[in-house]
């Protein structure tokens, strides 16, 4: 295989969309707490490498399952790259992520290690259980604190910021699996979203986004700060995005049924589920901007 072809296949196996979005969130939050350029670079680099490790470990672990269901969107299943190469890349990325984390201090290293261990546990085992949402609650709940722990004087982010992060994680989980519900069911993967069905998962995803937006809106106020206009605007934006998505979910679910085969967001199949996921990612960026503008340390 030509080096450029292998590199392209490896990049596609990293789940580039979520990897770039999460890295962008780290950049936004790092800027919001005023990190200097070296610390900001370490933060984004550590998060980016960590996300690469999570994406690659997912495809390496799921290689046989993806091949069994003919996942045309997975480079390993298409024979463009071997599962062993992807697994090796995941291990290297994990080492790089932890090495960069160590340079930001013991607190950051501990928090990032817990977040990555949680994500890898999901890939290896928890995705098949009713506790599949737990790694997203843990990893995303810690995410705002990565920015504050990267500061010269490290500290955990405000509690309401952690709540917002966990809510975002719930939304990401319940929307991310929507395109793959049928394939997952065919290979015995029965996480929490699979148990409540496509329509229920979409409803949970958008509901969690609203919880996150309200946490950012009201959390600082409960801590004694003034109501931030940007938080109000962000909450309205999240509500609009959620209403747009829910319109399709509710409108498309009138025929009954609530199993994995049910259409999500008013459509059917992988494309409809990806539509819901893109809306959730858009709302995630809005939520991150809310966090950045409001502050994380109140």
Protein backbone atom coordinates (compact mmCIF):
# COMPACT_ATOMS: atom_id res chain seq x y z
CA UNK A 1 0.00 0.00 0.00
CA UNK A 2 1.31 3.44 -0.95
CA UNK A 3 2.27 5.62 2.05
CA UNK A 4 -0.19 8.37 1.12
CA UNK A 5 -3.01 5.84 0.71
CA UNK A 6 -2.22 4.28 4.09
CA UNK A 7 -2.06 7.70 5.73
CA UNK A 8 -5.42 8.68 4.27
CA UNK A 9 -6.96 5.41 5.44
CA UNK A 10 -5.49 5.87 8.90
CA UNK A 11 -6.90 9.38 9.12
CA UNK A 12 -10.37 8.19 8.12
CA UNK A 13 -10.16 5.46 10.77
CA UNK A 14 -9.56 8.10 13.45
CA UNK A 15 -13.17 9.36 13.32
CA UNK A 16 -11.92 12.74 12.07
CA UNK A 17 -15.15 14.67 12.57
CA UNK A 18 -15.50 14.14 16.34
CA UNK A 19 -11.70 14.29 16.75
CA UNK A 20 -11.52 17.75 15.21
CA UNK A 21 -14.63 19.01 17.01
CA UNK A 22 -13.37 17.94 20.44
CA UNK A 23 -9.94 19.42 19.70
CA UNK A 24 -11.61 22.68 18.66
CA UNK A 25 -13.57 22.68 21.92
CA UNK A 26 -10.29 22.33 23.82
CA UNK A 27 -8.86 25.28 21.89
CA UNK A 28 -11.89 27.42 22.61
CA UNK A 29 -11.88 26.62 26.33
CA UNK A 30 -8.11 27.09 26.56
CA UNK A 31 -8.40 30.53 25.02
CA UNK A 32 -11.26 31.38 27.38
CA UNK A 33 -9.09 30.85 30.47
CA UNK A 34 -6.21 32.82 28.98
CA UNK A 35 -3.63 30.07 28.53
CA UNK A 36 -0.33 31.23 27.09
CA UNK A 37 0.72 29.86 23.70
CA UNK A 38 2.90 26.96 24.97
CA UNK A 39 0.28 25.70 27.41
CA UNK A 40 -2.48 26.13 24.83
CA UNK A 41 -0.48 24.12 22.31
CA UNK A 42 0.10 21.36 24.87
CA UNK A 43 -3.59 21.30 25.79
CA UNK A 44 -4.80 21.03 22.19
CA UNK A 45 -2.04 18.59 21.27
CA UNK A 46 -2.80 16.31 24.22
CA UNK A 47 -6.54 16.35 23.50
CA UNK A 48 -6.01 15.80 19.77
CA UNK A 49 -3.67 12.84 20.36
CA UNK A 50 -6.06 11.42 22.92
CA UNK A 51 -8.97 11.65 20.52
CA UNK A 52 -6.92 9.95 17.81
CA UNK A 53 -6.22 7.10 20.23
CA UNK A 54 -9.90 6.75 21.05
CA UNK A 55 -10.98 6.74 17.40
CA UNK A 56 -8.30 4.30 16.31
CA UNK A 57 -8.89 1.96 19.24
CA UNK A 58 -12.57 1.89 18.34
CA UNK A 59 -11.91 0.79 14.77
CA UNK A 60 -9.24 -1.71 15.81
CA UNK A 61 -11.48 -3.33 18.42
CA UNK A 62 -14.51 -3.34 16.12
CA UNK A 63 -12.64 -4.60 13.04
CA UNK A 64 -14.28 -8.04 12.91
CA UNK A 65 -17.72 -6.64 13.65
CA UNK A 66 -17.38 -3.94 10.97
CA UNK A 67 -16.25 -6.56 8.46
CA UNK A 68 -19.18 -8.82 9.34
CA UNK A 69 -21.75 -6.12 8.60
CA UNK A 70 -19.91 -4.71 5.58
CA UNK A 71 -19.21 -1.23 6.91
CA UNK A 72 -18.24 0.54 3.69
CA UNK A 73 -17.29 3.67 5.64
CA UNK A 74 -14.62 1.92 7.71
CA UNK A 75 -11.14 1.66 6.14
CA UNK A 76 -10.32 -1.57 7.99
CA UNK A 77 -13.52 -3.25 6.79
CA UNK A 78 -12.76 -2.07 3.25
CA UNK A 79 -9.28 -3.60 3.40
CA UNK A 80 -7.53 -0.25 3.02
CA UNK A 81 -5.51 -0.76 6.20
CA UNK A 82 -5.05 -3.58 8.70
CA UNK A 83 -6.55 -3.69 12.16
CA UNK A 84 -3.06 -4.28 13.54
CA UNK A 85 -1.79 -1.02 12.00
CA UNK A 86 -4.73 0.90 13.44
CA UNK A 87 -4.21 -0.67 16.86
CA UNK A 88 -0.52 0.26 16.77
CA UNK A 89 -1.42 3.83 15.86
CA UNK A 90 -3.89 3.95 18.77
CA UNK A 91 -1.19 2.85 21.20
CA UNK A 92 1.31 5.41 19.91
CA UNK A 93 -1.28 8.20 20.06
CA UNK A 94 -2.16 7.24 23.63
CA UNK A 95 1.48 7.44 24.71
CA UNK A 96 1.85 10.84 23.02
CA UNK A 97 -1.34 12.11 24.68
CA UNK A 98 -0.15 11.07 28.13
CA UNK A 99 3.36 12.45 27.57
CA UNK A 100 1.97 15.85 26.57
CA UNK A 101 -0.44 15.73 29.50
CA UNK A 102 2.41 15.14 31.93
CA UNK A 103 4.01 18.37 30.79
CA UNK A 104 0.93 20.24 32.01
CA UNK A 105 1.17 18.87 35.52
CA UNK A 106 -0.03 16.01 37.69
CA UNK A 107 -3.61 17.29 37.95
CA UNK A 108 -4.03 17.53 34.19
CA UNK A 109 -2.39 14.15 33.68
CA UNK A 110 -4.72 12.49 36.18
CA UNK A 111 -7.87 14.06 34.74
CA UNK A 112 -6.92 13.29 31.14
CA UNK A 113 -5.91 9.73 32.04
CA UNK A 114 -9.30 9.13 33.67
CA UNK A 115 -11.08 10.60 30.64
CA UNK A 116 -9.11 8.46 28.19
CA UNK A 117 -9.43 5.30 30.29
CA UNK A 118 -13.17 5.88 30.36
CA UNK A 119 -13.30 6.28 26.57
CA UNK A 120 -11.18 3.18 25.95
CA UNK A 121 -13.37 1.20 28.38
CA UNK A 122 -16.36 2.17 26.28
CA UNK A 123 -14.70 0.89 23.11
CA UNK A 124 -13.56 -2.35 24.72
CA UNK A 125 -16.62 -3.31 26.74
CA UNK A 126 -19.10 -0.77 28.05
CA UNK A 127 -20.62 0.03 24.64
CA UNK A 128 -22.32 -3.38 24.80
CA UNK A 129 -23.98 -2.73 28.16
CA UNK A 130 -26.75 -0.63 29.63
CA UNK A 131 -23.99 1.48 31.23
CA UNK A 132 -22.76 2.64 27.81
CA UNK A 133 -23.50 6.28 28.62
CA UNK A 134 -21.30 6.31 31.73
CA UNK A 135 -17.96 6.92 29.95
CA UNK A 136 -19.45 9.94 28.19
CA UNK A 137 -20.72 11.37 31.47
CA UNK A 138 -17.27 10.91 33.03
CA UNK A 139 -15.06 11.99 30.12
CA UNK A 140 -17.08 15.00 29.03
CA UNK A 141 -17.76 15.98 32.63
CA UNK A 142 -14.00 16.28 33.13
CA UNK A 143 -13.47 18.09 29.85
CA UNK A 144 -14.01 21.71 31.05
CA UNK A 145 -11.52 21.06 33.85
CA UNK A 146 -8.81 20.18 31.34
CA UNK A 147 -8.61 23.86 30.43
CA UNK A 148 -8.44 25.06 34.03
CA UNK A 149 -6.03 22.31 35.06
CA UNK A 150 -3.72 23.39 32.24
CA UNK A 151 -3.25 26.79 33.89
CA UNK A 152 -0.06 27.64 35.82
CA UNK A 153 -2.18 27.46 38.99
CA UNK A 154 -4.36 24.43 38.24
CA UNK A 155 -7.92 24.10 39.53
CA UNK A 156 -11.07 22.21 38.69
CA UNK A 157 -13.72 24.02 36.68
CA UNK A 158 -16.93 25.17 38.36
CA UNK A 159 -19.40 22.41 39.15
CA UNK A 160 -21.99 23.71 36.72
CA UNK A 161 -19.40 23.58 33.92
CA UNK A 162 -18.86 19.90 34.69
CA UNK A 163 -22.63 19.34 34.57
CA UNK A 164 -22.76 21.05 31.19
CA UNK A 165 -19.91 18.86 29.96
CA UNK A 166 -21.60 15.66 31.14
CA UNK A 167 -24.87 16.72 29.50
CA UNK A 168 -22.99 17.30 26.27
CA UNK A 169 -21.46 13.82 26.57
CA UNK A 170 -24.90 12.28 26.93
CA UNK A 171 -26.06 14.11 23.82
CA UNK A 172 -23.01 12.99 21.84
CA UNK A 173 -23.46 9.35 22.85
CA UNK A 174 -27.15 9.09 22.08
CA UNK A 175 -26.76 10.81 18.70
CA UNK A 176 -23.47 9.22 17.65
CA UNK A 177 -24.86 5.68 17.64
CA UNK A 178 -28.00 6.50 15.64
CA UNK A 179 -26.53 5.76 12.19
CA UNK A 180 -25.27 2.35 13.39
CA UNK A 181 -28.23 0.96 15.35
CA UNK A 182 -29.05 -1.75 12.81
CA UNK A 183 -25.43 -2.82 12.33
CA UNK A 184 -24.86 -2.85 16.09
CA UNK A 185 -27.96 -4.96 16.70
CA UNK A 186 -26.80 -7.47 14.08
CA UNK A 187 -23.54 -8.02 15.97
CA UNK A 188 -24.87 -8.08 19.51
CA UNK A 189 -24.06 -4.53 20.62
CA UNK A 190 -26.79 -3.46 23.04
CA UNK A 191 -25.87 -0.18 24.67
CA UNK A 192 -28.41 2.07 26.36
CA UNK A 193 -29.40 3.89 23.12
CA UNK A 194 -30.10 0.54 21.46
CA UNK A 195 -32.41 -0.40 24.32
CA UNK A 196 -34.55 2.73 24.06
CA UNK A 197 -34.60 2.97 20.25
CA UNK A 198 -33.81 5.64 17.69
CA UNK A 199 -36.60 8.06 18.52
CA UNK A 200 -35.97 7.83 22.25
CA UNK A 201 -32.24 8.31 21.72
CA UNK A 202 -32.77 11.45 19.66
CA UNK A 203 -35.12 12.84 22.30
CA UNK A 204 -32.56 12.16 25.04
CA UNK A 205 -29.80 13.78 22.97
CA UNK A 206 -31.64 17.04 22.42
CA UNK A 207 -32.98 17.04 25.98
CA UNK A 208 -29.42 16.70 27.31
CA UNK A 209 -28.31 19.63 25.18
CA UNK A 210 -31.01 21.76 26.78
CA UNK A 211 -29.84 20.69 30.25
CA UNK A 212 -26.28 21.68 29.33
CA UNK A 213 -27.34 25.07 28.02
CA UNK A 214 -29.41 25.77 31.14
CA UNK A 215 -26.47 24.77 33.35
CA UNK A 216 -24.27 27.37 31.63
CA UNK A 217 -27.06 29.95 31.79
CA UNK A 218 -28.06 29.50 35.42
CA UNK A 219 -24.92 28.08 37.05
CA UNK A 220 -23.01 31.36 37.25
CA UNK A 221 -26.14 33.15 38.49
CA UNK A 222 -26.53 30.67 41.35
CA UNK A 223 -22.86 31.31 42.16
CA UNK A 224 -23.60 35.02 42.50
CA UNK A 225 -22.60 36.31 39.06
CA UNK A 226 -24.74 38.48 36.83
CA UNK A 227 -26.77 36.91 34.03
CA UNK A 228 -24.62 36.91 30.92
CA UNK A 229 -26.33 38.06 27.67
CA UNK A 230 -24.12 35.71 25.65
CA UNK A 231 -25.36 32.79 27.76
CA UNK A 232 -28.95 33.79 27.02
CA UNK A 233 -28.21 33.97 23.30
CA UNK A 234 -26.42 30.63 23.39
CA UNK A 235 -29.31 28.97 25.22
CA UNK A 236 -31.76 30.29 22.66
CA UNK A 237 -29.54 28.97 19.85
CA UNK A 238 -29.38 25.51 21.44
CA UNK A 239 -33.17 25.51 21.89
CA UNK A 240 -33.65 26.43 18.22
CA UNK A 241 -31.26 23.72 17.06
CA UNK A 242 -32.96 21.20 19.34
CA UNK A 243 -36.44 22.22 18.19
CA UNK A 244 -35.37 21.79 14.56
CA UNK A 245 -34.09 18.31 15.28
CA UNK A 246 -37.04 17.31 17.43
CA UNK A 247 -39.50 18.43 14.77
CA UNK A 248 -38.12 15.75 12.49
CA UNK A 249 -37.95 13.17 15.28
CA UNK A 250 -41.53 13.64 16.45
CA UNK A 251 -42.92 14.12 12.96
CA UNK A 252 -41.13 11.04 11.65
CA UNK A 253 -42.16 8.77 14.49
CA UNK A 254 -45.95 8.69 14.01
CA UNK A 255 -46.03 5.31 12.37
CA UNK A 256 -45.26 3.60 15.69
CA UNK A 257 -42.43 1.36 16.69
CA UNK A 258 -39.48 2.34 18.73
CA UNK A 259 -36.80 -0.20 17.88
CA UNK A 260 -33.44 0.16 16.19
CA UNK A 261 -35.05 -0.02 12.77
CA UNK A 262 -37.10 3.09 13.44
CA UNK A 263 -36.28 6.19 11.42
CA UNK A 264 -34.42 8.89 13.26
CA UNK A 265 -35.07 12.57 12.75
CA UNK A 266 -37.86 11.95 10.31
CA UNK A 267 -35.71 9.94 7.94
CA UNK A 268 -34.45 6.43 7.72
CA UNK A 269 -31.16 4.65 7.81
CA UNK A 270 -27.65 5.90 8.33
CA UNK A 271 -28.15 9.29 6.66
CA UNK A 272 -30.93 10.40 8.99
CA UNK A 273 -28.94 9.43 12.07
CA UNK A 274 -25.95 11.37 10.81
CA UNK A 275 -28.22 14.39 10.40
CA UNK A 276 -29.12 14.26 14.09
CA UNK A 277 -25.45 13.84 15.02
CA UNK A 278 -24.44 16.89 12.96
CA UNK A 279 -27.08 18.98 14.71
CA UNK A 280 -25.78 17.81 18.08
CA UNK A 281 -22.21 18.71 17.06
CA UNK A 282 -23.40 22.17 16.01
CA UNK A 283 -25.13 22.64 19.35
CA UNK A 284 -21.97 21.37 21.07
CA UNK A 285 -19.93 24.16 19.51
CA UNK A 286 -22.55 26.70 20.63
CA UNK A 287 -22.41 25.25 24.14
CA UNK A 288 -18.62 25.48 24.15
CA UNK A 289 -18.79 29.13 23.11
CA UNK A 290 -21.24 29.70 25.97
CA UNK A 291 -18.76 28.14 28.38
CA UNK A 292 -15.89 30.15 26.96
CA UNK A 293 -17.74 33.44 27.14
CA UNK A 294 -19.18 32.82 30.60
CA UNK A 295 -16.00 31.49 32.21
CA UNK A 296 -15.19 28.16 33.84
CA UNK A 297 -13.93 29.11 37.26
CA UNK A 298 -16.89 30.86 38.91
